Amino acid sequence: MVQCGLGRTSYLWAHEAYAVYPDIMTLAKPLAGGLPTGAVLVTETVARAINLGDHGSTFAGSPLISGAGIAVLDKISNPRFFANVLEKGQYFKGLLVQKLGQNSHVKYIRGLGLITGMELHVSAFPFVDACRKSGLLILTAGKGNVVRITPPLIVLKQELPWLTVCLY
């Protein structure tokens, strides 16, 4: 859940979109807005198997990181937050399909919320390098033929067309 948790998919947890419920989840970067932190979430059944002292952390509880975590939780507690992520994600995916959907190198564009994958018929590495040289940071995923696009959850809707133009 490191990248697809805490609202990235327009759900608190990505698994909710698929009605799958894990016994153990880890989360990290999104929990404190990119600052170093992490958490392990477990079901009651798993929790009963963990004894006092089995799990700990040398640097747990930093006031700075904890404050950042509280700010993130305040932001995602807004009742409209997930709906806004969904709306912006659908809008962005629509822009991508409109701008790049007919490109002969693009096999498929998929996404949920503000995590989007653009599967290519060719390696994604040259495309990612070209984007990086123009100032746009994106990553590959899958077998190296998928471009992963994850704009910040607080991206403004009016900024998304610019992102699409950069990808075009």
N, C-alpha and C. Protein backbone atom coordinates (compact mmCIF):
# COMPACT_ATOMS: atom_id res chain seq x y z
N MET A 1 0.80 -1.20 0.00
CA MET A 1 0.00 0.00 0.00
C MET A 1 0.85 1.27 0.00
N VAL A 2 2.14 1.10 -0.17
CA VAL A 2 3.01 2.27 -0.05
C VAL A 2 2.60 3.35 -1.05
N GLN A 3 2.41 3.02 -2.29
CA GLN A 3 2.06 4.07 -3.25
C GLN A 3 0.57 4.17 -3.52
N CYS A 4 -0.16 3.10 -3.37
CA CYS A 4 -1.58 3.15 -3.76
C CYS A 4 -2.52 3.26 -2.57
N GLY A 5 -2.00 3.51 -1.39
CA GLY A 5 -2.85 3.68 -0.22
C GLY A 5 -3.10 5.14 0.10
N LEU A 6 -3.92 5.37 1.10
CA LEU A 6 -4.24 6.70 1.61
C LEU A 6 -4.80 7.64 0.55
N GLY A 7 -5.68 7.11 -0.29
CA GLY A 7 -6.44 7.96 -1.20
C GLY A 7 -5.95 8.04 -2.62
N ARG A 8 -4.78 7.51 -2.93
CA ARG A 8 -4.23 7.61 -4.29
C ARG A 8 -5.21 7.08 -5.34
N THR A 9 -5.96 6.03 -4.99
CA THR A 9 -6.89 5.41 -5.93
C THR A 9 -8.32 5.97 -5.82
N SER A 10 -8.50 6.94 -4.96
CA SER A 10 -9.79 7.54 -4.59
C SER A 10 -10.50 6.71 -3.53
N TYR A 11 -9.86 5.68 -3.05
CA TYR A 11 -10.31 4.91 -1.88
C TYR A 11 -9.24 5.09 -0.81
N LEU A 12 -9.60 4.92 0.44
CA LEU A 12 -8.58 4.99 1.48
C LEU A 12 -7.49 3.97 1.19
N TRP A 13 -7.92 2.75 0.87
CA TRP A 13 -6.99 1.66 0.53
C TRP A 13 -7.39 1.11 -0.84
N ALA A 14 -6.44 0.83 -1.70
CA ALA A 14 -6.72 0.34 -3.05
C ALA A 14 -7.52 -0.95 -3.05
N HIS A 15 -7.30 -1.80 -2.08
CA HIS A 15 -7.99 -3.10 -2.06
C HIS A 15 -9.50 -2.94 -1.95
N GLU A 16 -9.97 -1.82 -1.43
CA GLU A 16 -11.41 -1.61 -1.29
C GLU A 16 -12.12 -1.59 -2.65
N ALA A 17 -11.42 -1.16 -3.68
CA ALA A 17 -12.02 -1.11 -5.02
C ALA A 17 -12.30 -2.50 -5.56
N TYR A 18 -11.65 -3.50 -4.99
CA TYR A 18 -11.77 -4.86 -5.50
C TYR A 18 -12.37 -5.83 -4.49
N ALA A 19 -12.85 -5.30 -3.37
CA ALA A 19 -13.47 -6.11 -2.31
C ALA A 19 -12.55 -7.25 -1.86
N VAL A 20 -11.27 -6.94 -1.74
CA VAL A 20 -10.28 -7.88 -1.23
C VAL A 20 -9.75 -7.27 0.06
N TYR A 21 -9.64 -8.08 1.11
CA TYR A 21 -9.24 -7.54 2.40
C TYR A 21 -8.05 -8.30 2.95
N PRO A 22 -6.86 -7.67 2.94
CA PRO A 22 -5.64 -8.34 3.38
C PRO A 22 -5.57 -8.48 4.90
N ASP A 23 -4.77 -9.43 5.34
CA ASP A 23 -4.52 -9.61 6.77
C ASP A 23 -3.44 -8.67 7.27
N ILE A 24 -2.51 -8.30 6.38
CA ILE A 24 -1.40 -7.41 6.74
C ILE A 24 -1.22 -6.38 5.63
N MET A 25 -1.06 -5.11 6.01
CA MET A 25 -0.76 -4.05 5.05
C MET A 25 0.37 -3.20 5.61
N THR A 26 1.22 -2.74 4.74
CA THR A 26 2.24 -1.77 5.13
C THR A 26 1.94 -0.46 4.43
N LEU A 27 2.26 0.62 5.07
CA LEU A 27 2.15 1.92 4.43
C LEU A 27 3.31 2.78 4.89
N ALA A 28 3.67 3.73 4.06
CA ALA A 28 4.85 4.52 4.38
C ALA A 28 4.70 5.95 3.86
N LYS A 29 5.36 6.27 2.76
CA LYS A 29 5.51 7.65 2.30
C LYS A 29 4.24 8.50 2.35
N PRO A 30 3.12 8.03 1.86
CA PRO A 30 1.94 8.90 1.88
C PRO A 30 1.47 9.28 3.29
N LEU A 31 1.81 8.47 4.26
CA LEU A 31 1.35 8.70 5.63
C LEU A 31 1.85 10.02 6.20
N ALA A 32 3.03 10.47 5.77
CA ALA A 32 3.58 11.73 6.28
C ALA A 32 4.00 12.65 5.14
N GLY A 33 3.26 12.61 4.05
CA GLY A 33 3.52 13.52 2.94
C GLY A 33 4.90 13.36 2.33
N GLY A 34 5.42 12.15 2.30
CA GLY A 34 6.72 11.89 1.69
C GLY A 34 7.88 11.83 2.68
N LEU A 35 7.65 12.24 3.91
CA LEU A 35 8.70 12.15 4.93
C LEU A 35 8.84 10.70 5.38
N PRO A 36 10.00 10.32 5.92
CA PRO A 36 10.24 8.92 6.28
C PRO A 36 9.41 8.44 7.47
N THR A 37 8.48 7.58 7.17
CA THR A 37 7.66 6.97 8.22
C THR A 37 7.12 5.66 7.69
N GLY A 38 6.50 4.92 8.54
CA GLY A 38 5.90 3.66 8.11
C GLY A 38 4.97 3.13 9.18
N ALA A 39 4.11 2.24 8.77
CA ALA A 39 3.18 1.61 9.70
C ALA A 39 2.82 0.24 9.14
N VAL A 40 2.45 -0.64 10.04
CA VAL A 40 1.96 -1.96 9.68
C VAL A 40 0.56 -2.08 10.25
N LEU A 41 -0.39 -2.41 9.39
CA LEU A 41 -1.78 -2.61 9.82
C LEU A 41 -2.09 -4.09 9.71
N VAL A 42 -2.69 -4.64 10.75
CA VAL A 42 -2.99 -6.07 10.77
C VAL A 42 -4.40 -6.31 11.26
N THR A 43 -4.96 -7.45 10.89
CA THR A 43 -6.27 -7.84 11.40
C THR A 43 -6.14 -8.27 12.86
N GLU A 44 -7.26 -8.39 13.52
CA GLU A 44 -7.27 -8.84 14.92
C GLU A 44 -6.60 -10.21 15.04
N THR A 45 -6.85 -11.08 14.09
CA THR A 45 -6.27 -12.43 14.13
C THR A 45 -4.75 -12.37 14.11
N VAL A 46 -4.20 -11.57 13.22
CA VAL A 46 -2.74 -11.43 13.14
C VAL A 46 -2.22 -10.74 14.39
N ALA A 47 -2.92 -9.73 14.86
CA ALA A 47 -2.48 -8.99 16.05
C ALA A 47 -2.34 -9.91 17.26
N ARG A 48 -3.22 -10.88 17.39
CA ARG A 48 -3.15 -11.80 18.53
C ARG A 48 -1.88 -12.65 18.50
N ALA A 49 -1.28 -12.80 17.33
CA ALA A 49 -0.05 -13.60 17.22
C ALA A 49 1.21 -12.77 17.50
N ILE A 50 1.07 -11.47 17.67
CA ILE A 50 2.22 -10.60 17.94
C ILE A 50 2.29 -10.34 19.44
N ASN A 51 3.39 -10.71 20.03
CA ASN A 51 3.58 -10.52 21.47
C ASN A 51 4.22 -9.18 21.76
N LEU A 52 4.05 -8.70 22.97
CA LEU A 52 4.65 -7.46 23.41
C LEU A 52 6.17 -7.55 23.20
N GLY A 53 6.73 -6.57 22.52
CA GLY A 53 8.16 -6.55 22.25
C GLY A 53 8.56 -7.19 20.93
N ASP A 54 7.64 -7.87 20.25
CA ASP A 54 7.97 -8.49 18.97
C ASP A 54 8.23 -7.46 17.87
N HIS A 55 7.63 -6.30 18.00
CA HIS A 55 7.75 -5.29 16.96
C HIS A 55 8.11 -3.97 17.62
N GLY A 56 9.07 -3.28 17.06
CA GLY A 56 9.46 -1.99 17.60
C GLY A 56 10.21 -1.19 16.56
N SER A 57 10.59 0.03 16.93
CA SER A 57 11.31 0.89 16.01
C SER A 57 12.23 1.81 16.80
N THR A 58 13.42 1.98 16.29
CA THR A 58 14.41 2.84 16.96
C THR A 58 13.99 4.30 16.94
N PHE A 59 13.43 4.76 15.82
CA PHE A 59 13.14 6.18 15.66
C PHE A 59 11.65 6.50 15.67
N ALA A 60 10.83 5.63 16.18
CA ALA A 60 9.38 5.85 16.14
C ALA A 60 8.97 7.06 16.97
N GLY A 61 7.94 7.73 16.51
CA GLY A 61 7.33 8.79 17.28
C GLY A 61 7.96 10.16 17.16
N SER A 62 8.77 10.41 16.15
CA SER A 62 9.37 11.73 15.97
C SER A 62 8.27 12.79 15.91
N PRO A 63 8.40 13.87 16.69
CA PRO A 63 7.36 14.92 16.68
C PRO A 63 7.15 15.53 15.29
N LEU A 64 8.23 15.73 14.54
CA LEU A 64 8.11 16.31 13.20
C LEU A 64 7.31 15.38 12.28
N ILE A 65 7.70 14.12 12.25
CA ILE A 65 7.04 13.16 11.37
C ILE A 65 5.61 12.92 11.83
N SER A 66 5.41 12.83 13.13
CA SER A 66 4.05 12.63 13.65
C SER A 66 3.15 13.81 13.30
N GLY A 67 3.71 15.02 13.38
CA GLY A 67 2.94 16.21 13.00
C GLY A 67 2.55 16.19 11.53
N ALA A 68 3.49 15.76 10.69
CA ALA A 68 3.19 15.65 9.26
C ALA A 68 2.10 14.60 9.04
N GLY A 69 2.18 13.50 9.76
CA GLY A 69 1.16 12.45 9.65
C GLY A 69 -0.22 12.95 10.04
N ILE A 70 -0.28 13.74 11.10
CA ILE A 70 -1.56 14.30 11.54
C ILE A 70 -2.11 15.24 10.46
N ALA A 71 -1.23 16.03 9.85
CA ALA A 71 -1.68 16.94 8.78
C ALA A 71 -2.25 16.16 7.60
N VAL A 72 -1.59 15.06 7.23
CA VAL A 72 -2.09 14.22 6.13
C VAL A 72 -3.45 13.63 6.50
N LEU A 73 -3.57 13.10 7.70
CA LEU A 73 -4.84 12.50 8.13
C LEU A 73 -5.95 13.55 8.18
N ASP A 74 -5.62 14.78 8.61
CA ASP A 74 -6.61 15.86 8.58
C ASP A 74 -7.08 16.13 7.15
N LYS A 75 -6.13 16.14 6.22
CA LYS A 75 -6.47 16.43 4.81
C LYS A 75 -7.39 15.34 4.23
N ILE A 76 -7.04 14.08 4.47
CA ILE A 76 -7.85 13.01 3.87
C ILE A 76 -9.13 12.75 4.64
N SER A 77 -9.29 13.36 5.80
CA SER A 77 -10.53 13.21 6.57
C SER A 77 -11.65 14.09 6.02
N ASN A 78 -11.32 15.01 5.15
CA ASN A 78 -12.33 15.86 4.53
C ASN A 78 -13.26 14.97 3.71
N PRO A 79 -14.57 15.06 3.95
CA PRO A 79 -15.51 14.18 3.24
C PRO A 79 -15.42 14.26 1.71
N ARG A 80 -14.96 15.35 1.16
CA ARG A 80 -14.87 15.51 -0.29
C ARG A 80 -13.53 15.05 -0.87
N PHE A 81 -12.57 14.74 -0.01
CA PHE A 81 -11.22 14.45 -0.49
C PHE A 81 -11.19 13.32 -1.50
N PHE A 82 -11.74 12.16 -1.15
CA PHE A 82 -11.71 11.00 -2.05
C PHE A 82 -12.53 11.24 -3.31
N ALA A 83 -13.64 11.94 -3.17
CA ALA A 83 -14.46 12.26 -4.35
C ALA A 83 -13.68 13.17 -5.31
N ASN A 84 -12.92 14.11 -4.75
CA ASN A 84 -12.10 14.99 -5.59
C ASN A 84 -11.01 14.22 -6.31
N VAL A 85 -10.38 13.27 -5.61
CA VAL A 85 -9.34 12.45 -6.24
C VAL A 85 -9.96 11.64 -7.38
N LEU A 86 -11.12 11.06 -7.15
CA LEU A 86 -11.80 10.29 -8.19
C LEU A 86 -12.12 11.17 -9.40
N GLU A 87 -12.68 12.34 -9.14
CA GLU A 87 -13.06 13.26 -10.22
C GLU A 87 -11.84 13.69 -11.03
N LYS A 88 -10.78 14.09 -10.34
CA LYS A 88 -9.56 14.52 -11.05
C LYS A 88 -8.93 13.35 -11.81
N GLY A 89 -8.97 12.16 -11.23
CA GLY A 89 -8.42 10.98 -11.90
C GLY A 89 -9.17 10.63 -13.17
N GLN A 90 -10.49 10.68 -13.11
CA GLN A 90 -11.29 10.39 -14.30
C GLN A 90 -11.06 11.44 -15.38
N TYR A 91 -10.98 12.68 -14.97
CA TYR A 91 -10.72 13.77 -15.91
C TYR A 91 -9.36 13.58 -16.57
N PHE A 92 -8.33 13.29 -15.77
CA PHE A 92 -6.98 13.10 -16.29
C PHE A 92 -6.91 11.92 -17.24
N LYS A 93 -7.51 10.81 -16.85
CA LYS A 93 -7.51 9.63 -17.72
C LYS A 93 -8.21 9.94 -19.04
N GLY A 94 -9.31 10.68 -18.99
CA GLY A 94 -10.00 11.09 -20.21
C GLY A 94 -9.13 11.95 -21.10
N LEU A 95 -8.37 12.88 -20.50
CA LEU A 95 -7.45 13.71 -21.27
C LEU A 95 -6.37 12.85 -21.94
N LEU A 96 -5.85 11.88 -21.19
CA LEU A 96 -4.82 11.00 -21.75
C LEU A 96 -5.35 10.19 -22.92
N VAL A 97 -6.54 9.63 -22.76
CA VAL A 97 -7.14 8.83 -23.83
C VAL A 97 -7.37 9.71 -25.06
N GLN A 98 -7.87 10.92 -24.83
CA GLN A 98 -8.13 11.84 -25.94
C GLN A 98 -6.84 12.23 -26.66
N LYS A 99 -5.79 12.53 -25.91
CA LYS A 99 -4.54 13.02 -26.48
C LYS A 99 -3.64 11.90 -27.01
N LEU A 100 -3.59 10.76 -26.29
CA LEU A 100 -2.62 9.72 -26.62
C LEU A 100 -3.23 8.38 -26.98
N GLY A 101 -4.52 8.23 -26.82
CA GLY A 101 -5.17 6.95 -27.03
C GLY A 101 -5.02 6.37 -28.42
N GLN A 102 -4.87 7.22 -29.41
CA GLN A 102 -4.72 6.74 -30.79
C GLN A 102 -3.26 6.63 -31.23
N ASN A 103 -2.34 6.95 -30.34
CA ASN A 103 -0.92 6.85 -30.67
C ASN A 103 -0.56 5.39 -30.89
N SER A 104 0.17 5.11 -31.95
CA SER A 104 0.47 3.71 -32.30
C SER A 104 1.35 3.01 -31.26
N HIS A 105 2.04 3.76 -30.42
CA HIS A 105 2.88 3.16 -29.38
C HIS A 105 2.09 2.83 -28.11
N VAL A 106 0.90 3.41 -27.97
CA VAL A 106 0.10 3.22 -26.76
C VAL A 106 -0.81 2.01 -26.94
N LYS A 107 -0.65 1.06 -26.04
CA LYS A 107 -1.48 -0.15 -26.08
C LYS A 107 -2.76 0.05 -25.28
N TYR A 108 -2.62 0.63 -24.07
CA TYR A 108 -3.78 0.73 -23.19
C TYR A 108 -3.51 1.77 -22.11
N ILE A 109 -4.53 2.52 -21.74
CA ILE A 109 -4.43 3.49 -20.64
C ILE A 109 -5.40 3.05 -19.56
N ARG A 110 -4.89 2.84 -18.37
CA ARG A 110 -5.73 2.39 -17.25
C ARG A 110 -5.39 3.20 -16.01
N GLY A 111 -6.30 3.19 -15.08
CA GLY A 111 -6.01 3.90 -13.83
C GLY A 111 -7.20 3.89 -12.90
N LEU A 112 -6.91 4.25 -11.68
CA LEU A 112 -7.92 4.37 -10.64
C LEU A 112 -7.52 5.55 -9.78
N GLY A 113 -8.39 6.55 -9.71
CA GLY A 113 -8.02 7.76 -8.98
C GLY A 113 -6.86 8.44 -9.67
N LEU A 114 -5.85 8.82 -8.89
CA LEU A 114 -4.70 9.52 -9.46
C LEU A 114 -3.46 8.63 -9.56
N ILE A 115 -3.67 7.37 -9.88
CA ILE A 115 -2.56 6.50 -10.28
C ILE A 115 -2.95 5.94 -11.64
N THR A 116 -2.14 6.27 -12.63
CA THR A 116 -2.47 5.91 -14.01
C THR A 116 -1.31 5.15 -14.63
N GLY A 117 -1.65 4.12 -15.38
CA GLY A 117 -0.65 3.37 -16.12
C GLY A 117 -0.95 3.47 -17.60
N MET A 118 0.07 3.78 -18.36
CA MET A 118 -0.07 3.82 -19.81
C MET A 118 0.83 2.72 -20.37
N GLU A 119 0.19 1.63 -20.80
CA GLU A 119 0.95 0.50 -21.33
C GLU A 119 1.31 0.76 -22.78
N LEU A 120 2.57 0.53 -23.09
CA LEU A 120 3.07 0.79 -24.43
C LEU A 120 3.39 -0.51 -25.16
N HIS A 121 3.43 -0.45 -26.46
CA HIS A 121 3.87 -1.59 -27.28
C HIS A 121 5.39 -1.67 -27.31
N VAL A 122 6.04 -0.64 -26.83
CA VAL A 122 7.51 -0.55 -26.84
C VAL A 122 7.99 -0.28 -25.42
N SER A 123 9.29 -0.30 -25.22
CA SER A 123 9.87 0.02 -23.91
C SER A 123 9.49 1.44 -23.50
N ALA A 124 9.19 1.61 -22.22
CA ALA A 124 8.81 2.93 -21.72
C ALA A 124 10.02 3.78 -21.34
N PHE A 125 11.20 3.18 -21.25
CA PHE A 125 12.37 3.90 -20.76
C PHE A 125 12.75 5.13 -21.60
N PRO A 126 12.76 5.06 -22.93
CA PRO A 126 13.07 6.27 -23.71
C PRO A 126 12.04 7.39 -23.48
N PHE A 127 10.78 7.02 -23.35
CA PHE A 127 9.72 8.00 -23.11
C PHE A 127 9.92 8.66 -21.75
N VAL A 128 10.20 7.84 -20.72
CA VAL A 128 10.42 8.36 -19.37
C VAL A 128 11.64 9.29 -19.36
N ASP A 129 12.70 8.91 -20.05
CA ASP A 129 13.90 9.76 -20.14
C ASP A 129 13.59 11.09 -20.81
N ALA A 130 12.84 11.06 -21.89
CA ALA A 130 12.47 12.29 -22.59
C ALA A 130 11.64 13.20 -21.69
N CYS A 131 10.71 12.61 -20.96
CA CYS A 131 9.89 13.40 -20.03
C CYS A 131 10.77 14.02 -18.95
N ARG A 132 11.69 13.24 -18.41
CA ARG A 132 12.57 13.73 -17.36
C ARG A 132 13.40 14.91 -17.87
N LYS A 133 13.90 14.82 -19.09
CA LYS A 133 14.71 15.91 -19.67
C LYS A 133 13.89 17.18 -19.86
N SER A 134 12.58 17.03 -20.01
CA SER A 134 11.73 18.21 -20.16
C SER A 134 11.15 18.67 -18.83
N GLY A 135 11.57 18.04 -17.72
CA GLY A 135 11.16 18.50 -16.40
C GLY A 135 10.00 17.75 -15.78
N LEU A 136 9.53 16.70 -16.42
CA LEU A 136 8.40 15.92 -15.89
C LEU A 136 8.91 14.59 -15.35
N LEU A 137 8.67 14.35 -14.08
CA LEU A 137 9.14 13.12 -13.44
C LEU A 137 8.03 12.07 -13.44
N ILE A 138 8.25 11.00 -14.20
CA ILE A 138 7.35 9.86 -14.22
C ILE A 138 8.22 8.61 -14.12
N LEU A 139 7.60 7.48 -13.90
CA LEU A 139 8.33 6.23 -13.70
C LEU A 139 7.80 5.14 -14.61
N THR A 140 8.57 4.08 -14.72
CA THR A 140 8.08 2.89 -15.40
C THR A 140 7.46 1.95 -14.38
N ALA A 141 6.74 0.99 -14.87
CA ALA A 141 6.13 -0.02 -14.01
C ALA A 141 6.03 -1.31 -14.82
N GLY A 142 5.61 -2.35 -14.15
CA GLY A 142 5.41 -3.62 -14.85
C GLY A 142 6.70 -4.17 -15.40
N LYS A 143 6.67 -4.56 -16.64
CA LYS A 143 7.83 -5.18 -17.30
C LYS A 143 8.66 -4.16 -18.08
N GLY A 144 8.53 -2.89 -17.71
CA GLY A 144 9.29 -1.85 -18.39
C GLY A 144 8.59 -1.23 -19.57
N ASN A 145 7.37 -1.67 -19.83
CA ASN A 145 6.63 -1.08 -20.95
C ASN A 145 5.41 -0.29 -20.47
N VAL A 146 5.35 -0.02 -19.18
CA VAL A 146 4.24 0.76 -18.63
C VAL A 146 4.79 2.05 -18.03
N VAL A 147 4.16 3.16 -18.38
CA VAL A 147 4.49 4.45 -17.80
C VAL A 147 3.54 4.66 -16.62
N ARG A 148 4.10 4.93 -15.46
CA ARG A 148 3.29 5.16 -14.26
C ARG A 148 3.24 6.66 -14.00
N ILE A 149 2.03 7.20 -13.94
CA ILE A 149 1.84 8.64 -13.76
C ILE A 149 1.04 8.84 -12.48
N THR A 150 1.65 9.53 -11.52
CA THR A 150 1.01 9.71 -10.22
C THR A 150 1.12 11.17 -9.79
N PRO A 151 0.26 12.03 -10.31
CA PRO A 151 0.31 13.43 -9.88
C PRO A 151 -0.03 13.53 -8.39
N PRO A 152 0.40 14.59 -7.74
CA PRO A 152 0.06 14.76 -6.33
C PRO A 152 -1.46 14.76 -6.14
N LEU A 153 -1.90 14.24 -5.02
CA LEU A 153 -3.34 14.18 -4.76
C LEU A 153 -3.95 15.58 -4.65
N ILE A 154 -3.13 16.56 -4.36
CA ILE A 154 -3.63 17.93 -4.23
C ILE A 154 -3.48 18.72 -5.54
N VAL A 155 -3.15 18.02 -6.64
CA VAL A 155 -3.05 18.68 -7.93
C VAL A 155 -4.38 19.36 -8.24
N LEU A 156 -4.31 20.53 -8.82
CA LEU A 156 -5.52 21.24 -9.21
C LEU A 156 -6.00 20.70 -10.55
N LYS A 157 -7.30 20.63 -10.72
CA LYS A 157 -7.87 20.11 -11.96
C LYS A 157 -7.35 20.89 -13.17
N GLN A 158 -7.21 22.20 -13.02
CA GLN A 158 -6.75 23.02 -14.14
C GLN A 158 -5.27 22.79 -14.47
N GLU A 159 -4.52 22.08 -13.62
CA GLU A 159 -3.12 21.75 -13.92
C GLU A 159 -2.99 20.48 -14.76
N LEU A 160 -4.01 19.66 -14.77
CA LEU A 160 -3.94 18.36 -15.45
C LEU A 160 -3.79 18.47 -16.98
N PRO A 161 -4.43 19.42 -17.65
CA PRO A 161 -4.18 19.53 -19.09
C PRO A 161 -2.71 19.82 -19.41
N TRP A 162 -2.04 20.62 -18.58
CA TRP A 162 -0.62 20.89 -18.78
C TRP A 162 0.19 19.60 -18.71
N LEU A 163 -0.14 18.76 -17.74
CA LEU A 163 0.55 17.48 -17.60
C LEU A 163 0.35 16.63 -18.85
N THR A 164 -0.85 16.63 -19.37
CA THR A 164 -1.15 15.87 -20.58
C THR A 164 -0.35 16.39 -21.77
N VAL A 165 -0.23 17.71 -21.88
CA VAL A 165 0.56 18.31 -22.96
C VAL A 165 2.02 17.89 -22.84
N CYS A 166 2.55 17.85 -21.62
CA CYS A 166 3.94 17.43 -21.41
C CYS A 166 4.15 15.99 -21.87
N LEU A 167 3.15 15.15 -21.67
CA LEU A 167 3.26 13.76 -22.07
C LEU A 167 3.12 13.58 -23.58
N TYR A 168 2.44 14.53 -24.21
CA TYR A 168 2.18 14.44 -25.64
C TYR A 168 3.43 14.79 -26.41
